[in-house]
């Protein structure tokens, strides 16, 4: 019998900030390394602009240099992304998310599609702030009623609390464990 072709890997969209506050090199390194084993990956930023990396150290600097040589490191324009083409979305720790992703109407449409279709959504660290843009037609937050945990500036907890969601600081959780 001829070999059975392997099923194609699902596709994960990695959304990164293109703001000057940057993307955590460590978070992208771990996210990309873990997800690349299970998913085909596509990176997108607002305007398709290159990312600035923060939190660089000796280990992730080498990885970032290698990563920048790969074709997949050139981000697609977030504005041209069709959420239906992806099985999962990942927003790694991006301090810049507070600047450009948290208010992105394009990301809001993608997240709304993922929410409606019950697709996998993962946001890490400051990337959680990007979820602020996801609102319904009545302007209510799409993730109303969900529980969000993170260590992010005080603006985000206020937004979450206004939408009847539960926010817990990860610092508080660590202190209670």
N, C-alpha and C. Protein backbone atom coordinates (compact mmCIF):
# COMPACT_ATOMS: atom_id res chain seq x y z
N UNK A 1 0.84 -1.19 0.00
CA UNK A 1 0.00 0.00 0.00
C UNK A 1 0.88 1.25 0.00
N UNK A 2 0.44 2.27 -0.72
CA UNK A 2 1.21 3.52 -0.70
C UNK A 2 1.06 4.20 0.67
N UNK A 3 2.06 4.98 1.06
CA UNK A 3 1.97 5.65 2.36
C UNK A 3 0.77 6.60 2.40
N UNK A 4 0.15 6.67 3.54
CA UNK A 4 -0.98 7.57 3.72
C UNK A 4 -0.44 8.97 3.94
N UNK A 5 -0.93 9.94 3.15
CA UNK A 5 -0.43 11.31 3.35
C UNK A 5 -0.85 11.82 4.73
N UNK A 6 0.07 12.52 5.35
CA UNK A 6 -0.23 13.09 6.67
C UNK A 6 -1.20 14.25 6.49
N UNK A 7 -2.08 14.37 7.43
CA UNK A 7 -3.01 15.50 7.41
C UNK A 7 -2.21 16.79 7.56
N UNK A 8 -2.66 17.79 6.85
CA UNK A 8 -1.99 19.09 6.96
C UNK A 8 -2.16 19.63 8.37
N UNK A 9 -1.12 20.29 8.84
CA UNK A 9 -1.19 20.91 10.17
C UNK A 9 -2.20 22.06 10.12
N UNK A 10 -2.91 22.28 11.21
CA UNK A 10 -3.77 23.47 11.28
C UNK A 10 -2.89 24.72 11.28
N UNK A 11 -3.52 25.85 11.02
CA UNK A 11 -2.77 27.10 10.92
C UNK A 11 -3.09 28.01 12.10
N UNK A 12 -2.04 28.57 12.67
CA UNK A 12 -2.17 29.49 13.80
C UNK A 12 -1.67 30.87 13.38
N UNK A 13 -2.47 31.87 13.66
CA UNK A 13 -2.09 33.26 13.41
C UNK A 13 -1.45 33.81 14.68
N UNK A 14 -0.23 34.29 14.56
CA UNK A 14 0.44 34.95 15.68
C UNK A 14 0.37 36.45 15.42
N UNK A 15 -0.33 37.16 16.29
CA UNK A 15 -0.50 38.60 16.14
C UNK A 15 0.48 39.29 17.08
N UNK A 16 1.28 40.19 16.50
CA UNK A 16 2.29 40.92 17.25
C UNK A 16 2.09 42.41 17.09
N UNK A 17 2.55 43.16 18.06
CA UNK A 17 2.50 44.61 18.01
C UNK A 17 3.62 45.13 17.11
N UNK A 18 3.34 46.24 16.43
CA UNK A 18 4.41 46.91 15.70
C UNK A 18 4.73 48.25 16.35
N UNK A 19 4.20 48.49 17.54
CA UNK A 19 4.47 49.73 18.27
C UNK A 19 5.90 49.71 18.81
N UNK A 20 6.41 50.89 19.10
CA UNK A 20 7.79 51.03 19.59
C UNK A 20 8.02 50.31 20.91
N UNK A 21 6.97 50.10 21.69
CA UNK A 21 7.11 49.41 22.98
C UNK A 21 7.44 47.93 22.79
N UNK A 22 7.21 47.41 21.61
CA UNK A 22 7.74 46.13 21.21
C UNK A 22 7.02 44.86 21.59
N UNK A 23 7.74 43.78 21.29
CA UNK A 23 7.31 42.40 21.50
C UNK A 23 8.37 41.75 22.38
N UNK A 24 7.95 41.01 23.37
CA UNK A 24 8.90 40.30 24.22
C UNK A 24 9.58 39.20 23.41
N UNK A 25 10.90 39.32 23.25
CA UNK A 25 11.66 38.31 22.50
C UNK A 25 11.50 36.94 23.15
N UNK A 26 11.54 36.90 24.47
CA UNK A 26 11.42 35.64 25.19
C UNK A 26 10.06 34.99 24.95
N UNK A 27 9.00 35.78 24.97
CA UNK A 27 7.66 35.24 24.77
C UNK A 27 7.49 34.72 23.35
N UNK A 28 7.97 35.48 22.36
CA UNK A 28 7.85 35.01 20.98
C UNK A 28 8.69 33.75 20.78
N UNK A 29 9.87 33.72 21.33
CA UNK A 29 10.74 32.55 21.22
C UNK A 29 10.02 31.29 21.72
N UNK A 30 9.47 31.37 22.92
CA UNK A 30 8.78 30.20 23.48
C UNK A 30 7.50 29.88 22.71
N UNK A 31 6.72 30.89 22.41
CA UNK A 31 5.45 30.67 21.70
C UNK A 31 5.69 30.04 20.33
N UNK A 32 6.63 30.60 19.61
CA UNK A 32 6.92 30.12 18.26
C UNK A 32 7.46 28.68 18.30
N UNK A 33 8.38 28.43 19.20
CA UNK A 33 8.99 27.11 19.31
C UNK A 33 7.96 26.04 19.65
N UNK A 34 7.10 26.33 20.61
CA UNK A 34 6.08 25.36 21.01
C UNK A 34 5.04 25.18 19.91
N UNK A 35 4.55 26.26 19.36
CA UNK A 35 3.45 26.18 18.38
C UNK A 35 3.89 25.62 17.03
N UNK A 36 5.13 25.80 16.66
CA UNK A 36 5.57 25.34 15.33
C UNK A 36 5.53 23.83 15.20
N UNK A 37 5.51 23.11 16.30
CA UNK A 37 5.43 21.65 16.22
C UNK A 37 4.02 21.19 15.87
N UNK A 38 3.01 21.96 16.22
CA UNK A 38 1.62 21.55 16.00
C UNK A 38 0.90 22.34 14.92
N UNK A 39 1.43 23.52 14.57
CA UNK A 39 0.74 24.41 13.65
C UNK A 39 1.67 24.91 12.54
N UNK A 40 1.07 25.25 11.41
CA UNK A 40 1.72 26.13 10.45
C UNK A 40 1.48 27.53 11.00
N UNK A 41 2.50 28.36 10.99
CA UNK A 41 2.39 29.66 11.64
C UNK A 41 2.45 30.80 10.63
N UNK A 42 1.66 31.82 10.89
CA UNK A 42 1.71 33.06 10.13
C UNK A 42 1.73 34.20 11.13
N UNK A 43 2.61 35.15 10.91
CA UNK A 43 2.72 36.31 11.79
C UNK A 43 2.09 37.50 11.10
N UNK A 44 1.37 38.30 11.88
CA UNK A 44 0.76 39.52 11.35
C UNK A 44 0.94 40.64 12.37
N UNK A 45 1.13 41.84 11.85
CA UNK A 45 1.22 43.05 12.67
C UNK A 45 0.37 44.13 12.01
N UNK A 46 -0.02 45.16 12.77
CA UNK A 46 -0.72 46.28 12.13
C UNK A 46 0.15 46.87 11.02
N UNK A 47 -0.42 46.96 9.84
CA UNK A 47 0.30 47.52 8.70
C UNK A 47 1.38 46.61 8.13
N UNK A 48 1.55 45.42 8.69
CA UNK A 48 2.61 44.53 8.24
C UNK A 48 4.00 45.06 8.58
N UNK A 49 4.03 45.97 9.56
CA UNK A 49 5.30 46.60 9.94
C UNK A 49 6.17 45.63 10.72
N UNK A 50 7.49 45.81 10.66
CA UNK A 50 8.40 44.94 11.42
C UNK A 50 8.22 45.15 12.93
N UNK A 51 8.61 44.13 13.68
CA UNK A 51 8.48 44.18 15.13
C UNK A 51 9.78 44.66 15.76
N UNK A 52 9.64 45.40 16.85
CA UNK A 52 10.79 45.73 17.70
C UNK A 52 10.75 44.75 18.87
N UNK A 53 11.90 44.19 19.21
CA UNK A 53 11.95 43.21 20.28
C UNK A 53 12.52 43.83 21.55
N UNK A 54 11.92 43.45 22.68
CA UNK A 54 12.37 43.89 24.00
C UNK A 54 12.71 42.64 24.81
N UNK A 55 13.33 42.84 25.94
CA UNK A 55 13.71 41.73 26.83
C UNK A 55 14.68 40.76 26.15
N UNK A 56 15.60 41.31 25.37
CA UNK A 56 16.59 40.46 24.70
C UNK A 56 17.66 40.01 25.67
N UNK A 57 18.05 38.76 25.56
CA UNK A 57 19.20 38.25 26.30
C UNK A 57 20.03 37.41 25.33
N UNK A 58 21.11 36.86 25.81
CA UNK A 58 22.04 36.12 24.94
C UNK A 58 21.35 34.97 24.20
N UNK A 59 20.50 34.23 24.88
CA UNK A 59 19.85 33.07 24.26
C UNK A 59 18.82 33.46 23.21
N UNK A 60 17.90 34.37 23.58
CA UNK A 60 16.86 34.69 22.61
C UNK A 60 17.37 35.62 21.51
N UNK A 61 18.45 36.35 21.75
CA UNK A 61 19.03 37.19 20.70
C UNK A 61 19.49 36.34 19.53
N UNK A 62 20.14 35.23 19.82
CA UNK A 62 20.56 34.30 18.77
C UNK A 62 19.36 33.77 17.99
N UNK A 63 18.32 33.39 18.73
CA UNK A 63 17.12 32.85 18.09
C UNK A 63 16.45 33.93 17.22
N UNK A 64 16.36 35.16 17.73
CA UNK A 64 15.74 36.26 16.97
C UNK A 64 16.54 36.51 15.70
N UNK A 65 17.87 36.49 15.77
CA UNK A 65 18.69 36.70 14.58
C UNK A 65 18.41 35.61 13.54
N UNK A 66 18.33 34.36 13.97
CA UNK A 66 17.99 33.25 13.05
C UNK A 66 16.58 33.40 12.52
N UNK A 67 15.66 33.77 13.39
CA UNK A 67 14.25 33.93 13.01
C UNK A 67 14.10 34.99 11.92
N UNK A 68 14.81 36.10 12.05
CA UNK A 68 14.69 37.20 11.07
C UNK A 68 15.15 36.79 9.67
N UNK A 69 15.90 35.70 9.57
CA UNK A 69 16.37 35.21 8.26
C UNK A 69 15.31 34.35 7.57
N UNK A 70 14.29 33.92 8.30
CA UNK A 70 13.26 33.05 7.74
C UNK A 70 12.18 33.89 7.05
N UNK A 71 11.63 33.38 5.94
CA UNK A 71 10.56 34.11 5.25
C UNK A 71 9.34 34.38 6.15
N UNK A 72 9.06 33.46 7.07
CA UNK A 72 7.88 33.62 7.93
C UNK A 72 8.02 34.79 8.90
N UNK A 73 9.22 35.36 9.02
CA UNK A 73 9.41 36.47 9.96
C UNK A 73 8.90 37.79 9.39
N UNK A 74 8.61 37.82 8.09
CA UNK A 74 8.04 39.03 7.48
C UNK A 74 6.54 39.03 7.74
N UNK A 75 6.07 39.95 8.58
CA UNK A 75 4.66 39.89 8.97
C UNK A 75 3.71 40.28 7.85
N UNK A 76 2.56 39.62 7.85
CA UNK A 76 1.46 40.01 6.97
C UNK A 76 0.79 41.23 7.58
N UNK A 77 0.02 41.94 6.78
CA UNK A 77 -0.75 43.07 7.29
C UNK A 77 -1.96 42.53 8.03
N UNK A 78 -2.10 42.92 9.26
CA UNK A 78 -3.25 42.50 10.05
C UNK A 78 -4.55 42.87 9.33
N UNK A 79 -4.52 43.98 8.61
CA UNK A 79 -5.70 44.48 7.91
C UNK A 79 -6.16 43.55 6.78
N UNK A 80 -5.27 42.68 6.30
CA UNK A 80 -5.63 41.79 5.19
C UNK A 80 -5.91 40.35 5.64
N UNK A 81 -5.95 40.12 6.94
CA UNK A 81 -6.13 38.77 7.46
C UNK A 81 -7.61 38.37 7.46
N UNK A 82 -7.88 37.17 6.95
CA UNK A 82 -9.21 36.58 7.00
C UNK A 82 -9.19 35.51 8.09
N UNK A 83 -9.86 35.77 9.19
CA UNK A 83 -9.86 34.86 10.33
C UNK A 83 -10.32 33.46 9.99
N UNK A 84 -11.13 33.31 8.95
CA UNK A 84 -11.64 31.98 8.57
C UNK A 84 -10.52 31.05 8.11
N UNK A 85 -9.38 31.59 7.73
CA UNK A 85 -8.26 30.77 7.24
C UNK A 85 -7.43 30.15 8.36
N UNK A 86 -7.74 30.49 9.61
CA UNK A 86 -6.91 30.07 10.74
C UNK A 86 -7.70 29.24 11.74
N UNK A 87 -7.00 28.33 12.38
CA UNK A 87 -7.61 27.48 13.40
C UNK A 87 -7.39 28.00 14.81
N UNK A 88 -6.38 28.82 14.98
CA UNK A 88 -6.03 29.34 16.31
C UNK A 88 -5.40 30.72 16.14
N UNK A 89 -5.47 31.49 17.20
CA UNK A 89 -4.80 32.79 17.23
C UNK A 89 -4.02 32.89 18.54
N UNK A 90 -2.80 33.40 18.44
CA UNK A 90 -1.93 33.55 19.60
C UNK A 90 -1.40 34.97 19.62
N UNK A 91 -1.52 35.61 20.76
CA UNK A 91 -0.96 36.95 20.94
C UNK A 91 0.03 36.86 22.10
N UNK A 92 1.33 36.73 21.78
CA UNK A 92 2.34 36.62 22.84
C UNK A 92 2.46 37.92 23.63
N UNK A 93 3.30 37.90 24.63
CA UNK A 93 3.54 39.08 25.46
C UNK A 93 4.13 40.19 24.59
N UNK A 94 3.36 41.24 24.42
CA UNK A 94 3.77 42.40 23.61
C UNK A 94 3.45 43.66 24.40
N UNK A 95 4.44 44.30 25.03
CA UNK A 95 4.13 45.56 25.71
C UNK A 95 3.48 46.57 24.77
N UNK A 96 3.80 46.50 23.49
CA UNK A 96 3.20 47.40 22.50
C UNK A 96 1.73 47.14 22.23
N UNK A 97 1.21 46.00 22.70
CA UNK A 97 -0.21 45.68 22.47
C UNK A 97 -1.13 46.74 23.07
N UNK A 98 -0.68 47.36 24.15
CA UNK A 98 -1.48 48.42 24.77
C UNK A 98 -1.62 49.63 23.85
N UNK A 99 -0.67 49.80 22.93
CA UNK A 99 -0.65 50.95 22.05
C UNK A 99 -1.44 50.70 20.77
N UNK A 100 -1.17 49.57 20.09
CA UNK A 100 -1.80 49.39 18.78
C UNK A 100 -2.82 48.26 18.68
N UNK A 101 -2.65 47.20 19.44
CA UNK A 101 -3.57 46.06 19.30
C UNK A 101 -4.86 46.25 20.11
N UNK A 102 -4.78 46.89 21.26
CA UNK A 102 -5.94 47.03 22.15
C UNK A 102 -7.06 47.84 21.52
N UNK A 103 -6.74 48.62 20.49
CA UNK A 103 -7.75 49.46 19.84
C UNK A 103 -7.92 49.14 18.36
N UNK A 104 -7.39 48.04 17.92
CA UNK A 104 -7.42 47.70 16.49
C UNK A 104 -8.79 47.15 16.06
N UNK A 105 -9.43 47.86 15.17
CA UNK A 105 -10.70 47.38 14.61
C UNK A 105 -10.51 46.12 13.79
N UNK A 106 -9.37 45.98 13.13
CA UNK A 106 -9.11 44.79 12.32
C UNK A 106 -8.93 43.56 13.21
N UNK A 107 -8.18 43.71 14.28
CA UNK A 107 -8.03 42.60 15.22
C UNK A 107 -9.37 42.28 15.86
N UNK A 108 -10.17 43.30 16.14
CA UNK A 108 -11.49 43.07 16.73
C UNK A 108 -12.33 42.15 15.85
N UNK A 109 -12.31 42.38 14.53
CA UNK A 109 -13.08 41.53 13.60
C UNK A 109 -12.57 40.09 13.62
N UNK A 110 -11.27 39.94 13.66
CA UNK A 110 -10.67 38.59 13.69
C UNK A 110 -11.06 37.89 14.99
N UNK A 111 -10.91 38.58 16.11
CA UNK A 111 -11.25 37.99 17.41
C UNK A 111 -12.74 37.66 17.49
N UNK A 112 -13.58 38.52 16.93
CA UNK A 112 -15.02 38.26 16.95
C UNK A 112 -15.33 36.98 16.17
N UNK A 113 -14.65 36.80 15.03
CA UNK A 113 -14.83 35.57 14.25
C UNK A 113 -14.41 34.35 15.08
N UNK A 114 -13.26 34.44 15.72
CA UNK A 114 -12.76 33.33 16.54
C UNK A 114 -13.72 33.04 17.69
N UNK A 115 -14.22 34.08 18.32
CA UNK A 115 -15.14 33.92 19.44
C UNK A 115 -16.43 33.23 18.97
N UNK A 116 -16.99 33.72 17.88
CA UNK A 116 -18.25 33.17 17.35
C UNK A 116 -18.09 31.72 16.92
N UNK A 117 -16.96 31.41 16.29
CA UNK A 117 -16.71 30.05 15.78
C UNK A 117 -16.11 29.12 16.84
N UNK A 118 -15.92 29.66 18.05
CA UNK A 118 -15.35 28.88 19.16
C UNK A 118 -13.98 28.28 18.81
N UNK A 119 -13.16 29.11 18.17
CA UNK A 119 -11.80 28.71 17.83
C UNK A 119 -10.88 29.08 18.99
N UNK A 120 -9.72 28.47 19.00
CA UNK A 120 -8.74 28.67 20.06
C UNK A 120 -8.17 30.09 20.03
N UNK A 121 -8.25 30.78 21.17
CA UNK A 121 -7.68 32.11 21.34
C UNK A 121 -6.76 32.05 22.55
N UNK A 122 -5.51 32.47 22.36
CA UNK A 122 -4.56 32.48 23.46
C UNK A 122 -3.83 33.82 23.47
N UNK A 123 -3.86 34.48 24.61
CA UNK A 123 -3.13 35.74 24.77
C UNK A 123 -2.28 35.61 26.03
N UNK A 124 -1.04 36.08 25.95
CA UNK A 124 -0.07 35.91 27.03
C UNK A 124 0.45 37.28 27.47
N UNK A 125 0.59 37.47 28.77
CA UNK A 125 1.18 38.70 29.29
C UNK A 125 0.45 39.94 28.80
N UNK A 126 1.20 40.93 28.32
CA UNK A 126 0.59 42.16 27.80
C UNK A 126 -0.27 41.89 26.57
N UNK A 127 -0.09 40.75 25.94
CA UNK A 127 -0.93 40.39 24.79
C UNK A 127 -2.40 40.31 25.15
N UNK A 128 -2.69 40.06 26.43
CA UNK A 128 -4.08 40.01 26.89
C UNK A 128 -4.78 41.35 26.65
N UNK A 129 -4.03 42.44 26.70
CA UNK A 129 -4.62 43.76 26.47
C UNK A 129 -5.22 43.87 25.07
N UNK A 130 -4.71 43.09 24.12
CA UNK A 130 -5.25 43.12 22.76
C UNK A 130 -6.70 42.66 22.72
N UNK A 131 -7.11 41.88 23.71
CA UNK A 131 -8.50 41.41 23.75
C UNK A 131 -9.49 42.55 24.02
N UNK A 132 -9.00 43.69 24.49
CA UNK A 132 -9.88 44.84 24.77
C UNK A 132 -10.63 45.30 23.53
N UNK A 133 -10.06 45.11 22.35
CA UNK A 133 -10.69 45.61 21.13
C UNK A 133 -11.89 44.77 20.70
N UNK A 134 -12.05 43.59 21.24
CA UNK A 134 -13.11 42.67 20.80
C UNK A 134 -14.44 43.04 21.43
N UNK A 135 -15.26 43.73 20.65
CA UNK A 135 -16.58 44.14 21.14
C UNK A 135 -17.67 43.64 20.20
N UNK A 136 -18.84 43.48 20.76
CA UNK A 136 -20.01 43.09 19.98
C UNK A 136 -20.64 44.32 19.34
N UNK A 137 -21.66 44.11 18.51
CA UNK A 137 -22.31 45.24 17.84
C UNK A 137 -22.88 46.24 18.84
N UNK A 138 -23.33 45.76 20.00
CA UNK A 138 -23.89 46.66 21.02
C UNK A 138 -22.79 47.30 21.88
N UNK A 139 -21.55 47.14 21.48
CA UNK A 139 -20.36 47.71 22.14
C UNK A 139 -19.98 46.99 23.44
N UNK A 140 -20.67 45.90 23.77
CA UNK A 140 -20.27 45.13 24.95
C UNK A 140 -19.04 44.31 24.59
N UNK A 141 -18.25 43.98 25.58
CA UNK A 141 -17.01 43.24 25.36
C UNK A 141 -17.34 41.79 25.01
N UNK A 142 -16.72 41.26 23.99
CA UNK A 142 -16.99 39.90 23.54
C UNK A 142 -16.71 38.86 24.61
N UNK A 143 -15.76 39.13 25.49
CA UNK A 143 -15.37 38.15 26.49
C UNK A 143 -16.04 38.41 27.85
N UNK A 144 -17.16 39.12 27.82
CA UNK A 144 -17.91 39.40 29.04
C UNK A 144 -18.24 38.09 29.74
N UNK A 145 -17.99 38.06 31.03
CA UNK A 145 -18.27 36.86 31.82
C UNK A 145 -17.10 35.90 31.91
N UNK A 146 -16.04 36.14 31.14
CA UNK A 146 -14.86 35.29 31.20
C UNK A 146 -13.97 35.72 32.35
N UNK A 147 -13.08 34.87 32.75
CA UNK A 147 -12.10 35.18 33.78
C UNK A 147 -10.76 35.41 33.10
N UNK A 148 -10.12 36.54 33.43
CA UNK A 148 -8.84 36.91 32.82
C UNK A 148 -7.83 37.07 33.94
N UNK A 149 -6.66 36.48 33.77
CA UNK A 149 -5.59 36.61 34.75
C UNK A 149 -4.37 37.18 34.06
N UNK A 150 -3.73 38.13 34.69
CA UNK A 150 -2.52 38.67 34.08
C UNK A 150 -1.92 39.76 34.93
N UNK A 151 -0.72 40.12 34.56
CA UNK A 151 -0.02 41.22 35.22
C UNK A 151 0.09 42.32 34.19
N UNK A 152 -0.90 43.19 34.16
CA UNK A 152 -0.94 44.24 33.17
C UNK A 152 -1.37 45.55 33.83
N UNK A 153 -1.09 46.67 33.17
CA UNK A 153 -1.40 47.97 33.77
C UNK A 153 -2.87 48.12 34.17
N UNK A 154 -3.12 49.06 35.04
CA UNK A 154 -4.44 49.22 35.65
C UNK A 154 -5.54 49.56 34.66
N UNK A 155 -5.24 50.05 33.48
CA UNK A 155 -6.26 50.37 32.49
C UNK A 155 -7.06 49.13 32.12
N UNK A 156 -6.40 48.01 31.95
CA UNK A 156 -7.09 46.80 31.50
C UNK A 156 -8.05 46.26 32.55
N UNK A 157 -7.66 46.11 33.82
CA UNK A 157 -8.64 45.62 34.80
C UNK A 157 -9.91 46.46 34.84
N UNK A 158 -9.79 47.80 34.71
CA UNK A 158 -10.97 48.66 34.72
C UNK A 158 -11.88 48.31 33.56
N UNK A 159 -11.31 48.11 32.39
CA UNK A 159 -12.10 47.75 31.21
C UNK A 159 -12.81 46.43 31.42
N UNK A 160 -12.12 45.47 31.99
CA UNK A 160 -12.69 44.14 32.21
C UNK A 160 -13.81 44.22 33.24
N UNK A 161 -13.58 44.96 34.33
CA UNK A 161 -14.59 45.05 35.38
C UNK A 161 -15.85 45.75 34.88
N UNK A 162 -15.70 46.71 33.98
CA UNK A 162 -16.86 47.39 33.42
C UNK A 162 -17.70 46.45 32.57
N UNK A 163 -17.12 45.38 32.10
CA UNK A 163 -17.84 44.47 31.21
C UNK A 163 -18.35 43.22 31.93
N UNK A 164 -18.44 43.26 33.25
CA UNK A 164 -18.93 42.11 34.03
C UNK A 164 -18.05 40.89 33.91
N UNK A 165 -16.77 41.08 33.74
CA UNK A 165 -15.82 39.97 33.70
C UNK A 165 -14.99 40.00 34.97
N UNK A 166 -14.29 38.93 35.21
CA UNK A 166 -13.48 38.81 36.42
C UNK A 166 -12.01 38.93 36.06
N UNK A 167 -11.32 39.85 36.70
CA UNK A 167 -9.88 40.01 36.49
C UNK A 167 -9.17 39.71 37.80
N UNK A 168 -8.12 38.93 37.72
CA UNK A 168 -7.27 38.66 38.88
C UNK A 168 -5.83 38.92 38.49
N UNK A 169 -5.14 39.66 39.32
CA UNK A 169 -3.73 39.93 39.08
C UNK A 169 -2.93 38.66 39.31
N UNK A 170 -2.04 38.35 38.38
CA UNK A 170 -1.21 37.16 38.55
C UNK A 170 -0.28 37.34 39.75
N UNK A 171 0.11 38.57 40.07
CA UNK A 171 0.95 38.80 41.24
C UNK A 171 0.20 38.39 42.50
N UNK A 172 -1.08 38.72 42.57
CA UNK A 172 -1.89 38.35 43.72
C UNK A 172 -2.01 36.84 43.82
N UNK A 173 -2.22 36.17 42.69
CA UNK A 173 -2.34 34.72 42.71
C UNK A 173 -1.06 34.06 43.20
N UNK A 174 0.09 34.56 42.75
CA UNK A 174 1.36 33.97 43.18
C UNK A 174 1.56 34.15 44.68
N UNK A 175 1.12 35.29 45.21
CA UNK A 175 1.29 35.54 46.64
C UNK A 175 0.41 34.63 47.48
N UNK A 176 -0.72 34.17 46.91
CA UNK A 176 -1.63 33.34 47.69
C UNK A 176 -1.33 31.86 47.57
N UNK A 177 -0.46 31.46 46.65
CA UNK A 177 -0.14 30.03 46.48
C UNK A 177 0.91 29.57 47.45
